[in-house]
Amino acid sequence: CVELDINKAYYVALYNLGYISKEFYEMCIELPKKIRLVLVGTLATTKSVLHYTNGEISDHEIIKNDNLKNVFFHCVKVVDECLYEFSYLAKEHFIFYWVDGIYLRPYKDLKRHLKFIENRFNMQFKTDLKERVLIVKTSKQCTNIGVYKNNKDFKMFSLPNIFTKD
């Protein structure tokens, strides 16, 4: 199996969509990954502010910005469209995609499809070969998929129940 992960997916999408400047983009991508994720996630947050008087809550205020929330979901939509189109091209070689990465069985046209998707969405992928993908457990609600690399690096994904026995 091969994992193809979009490099700095959300920041590239925000930049490509014109929401952030090149200078801001370049500054953000230098930040540690955890900080980058928190920063982009704040676009969709709703904040509760509690005001206290003499140690008691005197007022409660909800602060949200629907415009920023829409920016976040526009960015997520573009990343999802990119991976969905890749899955369509890969056809029966497609396994699943998750957030900003897609898992595929290697196939003859993979490099050509990868270049097409990278050019179409102006995004770059990094490639990581995985040793195997296993369906670990299924239930009515979800399917748990385990991905192994070098027989030791293990990731578990819990996907909505997309596999059926019918």
Protein backbone atom coordinates (compact mmCIF):
# COMPACT_ATOMS: atom_id res chain seq x y z
CA CYS A 1 0.00 0.00 0.00
CA VAL A 2 1.13 3.54 -0.55
CA GLU A 3 0.12 6.54 1.54
CA LEU A 4 0.07 9.87 -0.28
CA ASP A 5 -0.18 12.82 2.07
CA ILE A 6 -0.76 16.42 0.94
CA ASN A 7 2.10 18.62 2.17
CA LYS A 8 0.72 21.31 4.52
CA ALA A 9 -2.71 20.76 2.96
CA TYR A 10 -4.79 23.37 4.76
CA TYR A 11 -2.26 26.18 4.42
CA VAL A 12 -1.77 25.43 0.73
CA ALA A 13 -5.56 25.44 0.26
CA LEU A 14 -5.92 28.74 2.17
CA TYR A 15 -3.18 30.29 0.05
CA ASN A 16 -4.52 28.90 -3.25
CA LEU A 17 -8.00 30.20 -2.41
CA GLY A 18 -6.58 33.67 -1.70
CA TYR A 19 -7.44 33.75 2.01
CA ILE A 20 -3.85 34.25 3.14
CA SER A 21 -0.90 36.11 1.62
CA LYS A 22 2.30 34.45 0.45
CA GLU A 23 4.18 36.08 3.35
CA PHE A 24 1.71 34.76 5.94
CA TYR A 25 1.72 31.31 4.29
CA GLU A 26 5.54 31.14 4.39
CA MET A 27 5.58 32.24 8.02
CA CYS A 28 2.94 29.64 9.04
CA ILE A 29 4.52 26.65 7.32
CA GLU A 30 7.69 27.21 9.36
CA LEU A 31 5.74 26.70 12.60
CA PRO A 32 5.72 23.28 14.30
CA LYS A 33 2.94 21.01 12.97
CA LYS A 34 0.92 21.04 16.22
CA ILE A 35 0.85 24.84 16.26
CA ARG A 36 -0.11 24.96 12.56
CA LEU A 37 -3.03 22.61 13.18
CA VAL A 38 -4.27 24.61 16.18
CA LEU A 39 -3.92 27.88 14.29
CA VAL A 40 -5.96 26.73 11.29
CA GLY A 41 -8.49 25.06 13.60
CA THR A 42 -9.20 28.36 15.35
CA LEU A 43 -10.94 29.52 12.18
CA ALA A 44 -13.89 27.25 13.02
CA THR A 45 -14.05 27.73 16.78
CA THR A 46 -16.84 29.12 18.90
CA LYS A 47 -15.72 30.65 22.16
CA SER A 48 -17.61 30.88 25.44
CA VAL A 49 -16.58 33.83 27.59
CA LEU A 50 -17.62 33.80 31.23
CA HIS A 51 -17.67 37.10 33.12
CA TYR A 52 -17.25 36.95 36.89
CA THR A 53 -18.32 39.42 39.56
CA ASN A 54 -17.19 38.72 43.13
CA GLY A 55 -16.29 35.14 42.22
CA GLU A 56 -19.70 34.38 40.66
CA ILE A 57 -20.57 34.11 36.96
CA SER A 58 -22.37 37.32 36.11
CA ASP A 59 -22.59 37.01 32.33
CA HIS A 60 -21.99 34.43 29.63
CA GLU A 61 -21.12 35.39 26.06
CA ILE A 62 -20.82 33.23 22.94
CA ILE A 63 -18.35 34.56 20.37
CA LYS A 64 -18.32 33.06 16.90
CA ASN A 65 -17.39 34.29 13.48
CA ASP A 66 -19.37 32.58 10.73
CA ASN A 67 -17.18 34.15 8.04
CA LEU A 68 -14.05 32.54 9.47
CA LYS A 69 -15.91 29.25 9.98
CA ASN A 70 -16.90 29.33 6.30
CA VAL A 71 -13.25 29.93 5.32
CA PHE A 72 -12.25 26.83 7.32
CA PHE A 73 -14.92 24.65 5.70
CA HIS A 74 -14.09 26.00 2.21
CA CYS A 75 -10.48 24.99 2.78
CA VAL A 76 -11.51 21.52 4.05
CA LYS A 77 -13.83 21.11 1.04
CA VAL A 78 -10.98 21.74 -1.42
CA VAL A 79 -8.74 19.17 0.31
CA ASP A 80 -11.61 16.68 0.28
CA GLU A 81 -12.30 17.32 -3.42
CA CYS A 82 -8.63 16.73 -4.20
CA LEU A 83 -8.61 13.35 -2.44
CA TYR A 84 -12.02 12.37 -3.82
CA GLU A 85 -10.84 13.01 -7.40
CA PHE A 86 -7.70 10.99 -6.72
CA SER A 87 -9.81 8.11 -5.39
CA TYR A 88 -11.94 8.28 -8.55
CA LEU A 89 -8.85 8.04 -10.77
CA ALA A 90 -7.42 5.16 -8.73
CA LYS A 91 -10.67 3.17 -9.07
CA GLU A 92 -10.27 -0.33 -7.61
CA HIS A 93 -6.81 0.57 -6.27
CA PHE A 94 -8.34 3.04 -3.81
CA ILE A 95 -8.43 1.87 -0.17
CA PHE A 96 -9.52 4.96 1.80
CA TYR A 97 -8.65 8.56 2.50
CA TRP A 98 -8.43 10.33 5.82
CA VAL A 99 -8.07 14.09 6.45
CA ASP A 100 -5.26 14.99 4.01
CA GLY A 101 -3.92 11.57 3.03
CA ILE A 102 -5.02 8.82 0.70
CA TYR A 103 -4.20 5.11 0.82
CA LEU A 104 -3.91 3.21 -2.46
CA ARG A 105 -2.67 -0.08 -3.79
CA PRO A 106 0.21 0.70 -6.18
CA TYR A 107 -0.84 0.61 -9.84
CA LYS A 108 0.53 1.32 -13.31
CA ASP A 109 -0.85 4.87 -13.74
CA LEU A 110 -0.25 6.05 -10.16
CA LYS A 111 2.59 8.47 -11.02
CA ARG A 112 0.62 9.97 -13.91
CA HIS A 113 -2.50 10.37 -11.77
CA LEU A 114 -0.44 11.88 -8.95
CA LYS A 115 1.04 14.51 -11.30
CA PHE A 116 -2.42 15.28 -12.69
CA ILE A 117 -3.92 15.82 -9.21
CA GLU A 118 -0.92 17.86 -8.02
CA ASN A 119 -1.22 20.15 -11.05
CA ARG A 120 -5.01 20.38 -10.94
CA PHE A 121 -5.12 21.39 -7.26
CA ASN A 122 -1.70 23.08 -7.02
CA MET A 123 -0.78 20.80 -4.12
CA GLN A 124 2.18 18.51 -3.53
CA PHE A 125 2.07 15.05 -1.97
CA LYS A 126 4.68 13.14 -0.04
CA THR A 127 4.73 9.39 -0.58
CA ASP A 128 5.22 6.74 2.07
CA LEU A 129 5.14 3.02 1.33
CA LYS A 130 3.27 0.93 3.88
CA GLU A 131 3.82 -2.73 4.47
CA ARG A 132 0.17 -3.72 4.74
CA VAL A 133 -3.37 -2.62 5.49
CA LEU A 134 -5.64 -4.82 7.58
CA ILE A 135 -9.28 -4.59 8.48
CA VAL A 136 -8.90 -5.06 12.20
CA LYS A 137 -12.50 -5.01 13.39
CA THR A 138 -15.87 -4.19 11.91
CA SER A 139 -19.15 -3.39 13.57
CA LYS A 140 -22.46 -1.94 12.46
CA GLN A 141 -21.11 1.55 13.17
CA CYS A 142 -17.53 1.51 11.94
CA THR A 143 -14.65 -0.32 10.34
CA ASN A 144 -11.25 -0.18 12.04
CA ILE A 145 -8.34 -0.30 9.63
CA GLY A 146 -4.76 -0.86 10.72
CA VAL A 147 -1.86 0.33 8.59
CA TYR A 148 1.64 -1.09 9.18
CA LYS A 149 5.02 0.20 8.12
CA ASN A 150 8.18 -1.89 8.72
CA ASN A 151 6.13 -4.27 10.88
CA LYS A 152 6.32 -1.82 13.82
CA ASP A 153 4.89 1.61 12.92
CA PHE A 154 1.14 1.09 13.32
CA LYS A 155 -1.72 3.53 12.72
CA MET A 156 -5.35 2.75 13.44
CA PHE A 157 -8.22 4.43 11.59
CA SER A 158 -11.86 4.17 12.59
CA LEU A 159 -14.02 4.82 9.53
CA PRO A 160 -17.79 4.99 9.26
CA ASN A 161 -19.04 1.57 8.22
CA ILE A 162 -18.28 1.64 4.51
CA PHE A 163 -17.74 -2.09 4.02
CA THR A 164 -20.66 -4.45 3.78
CA LYS A 165 -20.90 -8.21 3.59
CA ASP A 166 -23.82 -8.10 1.15
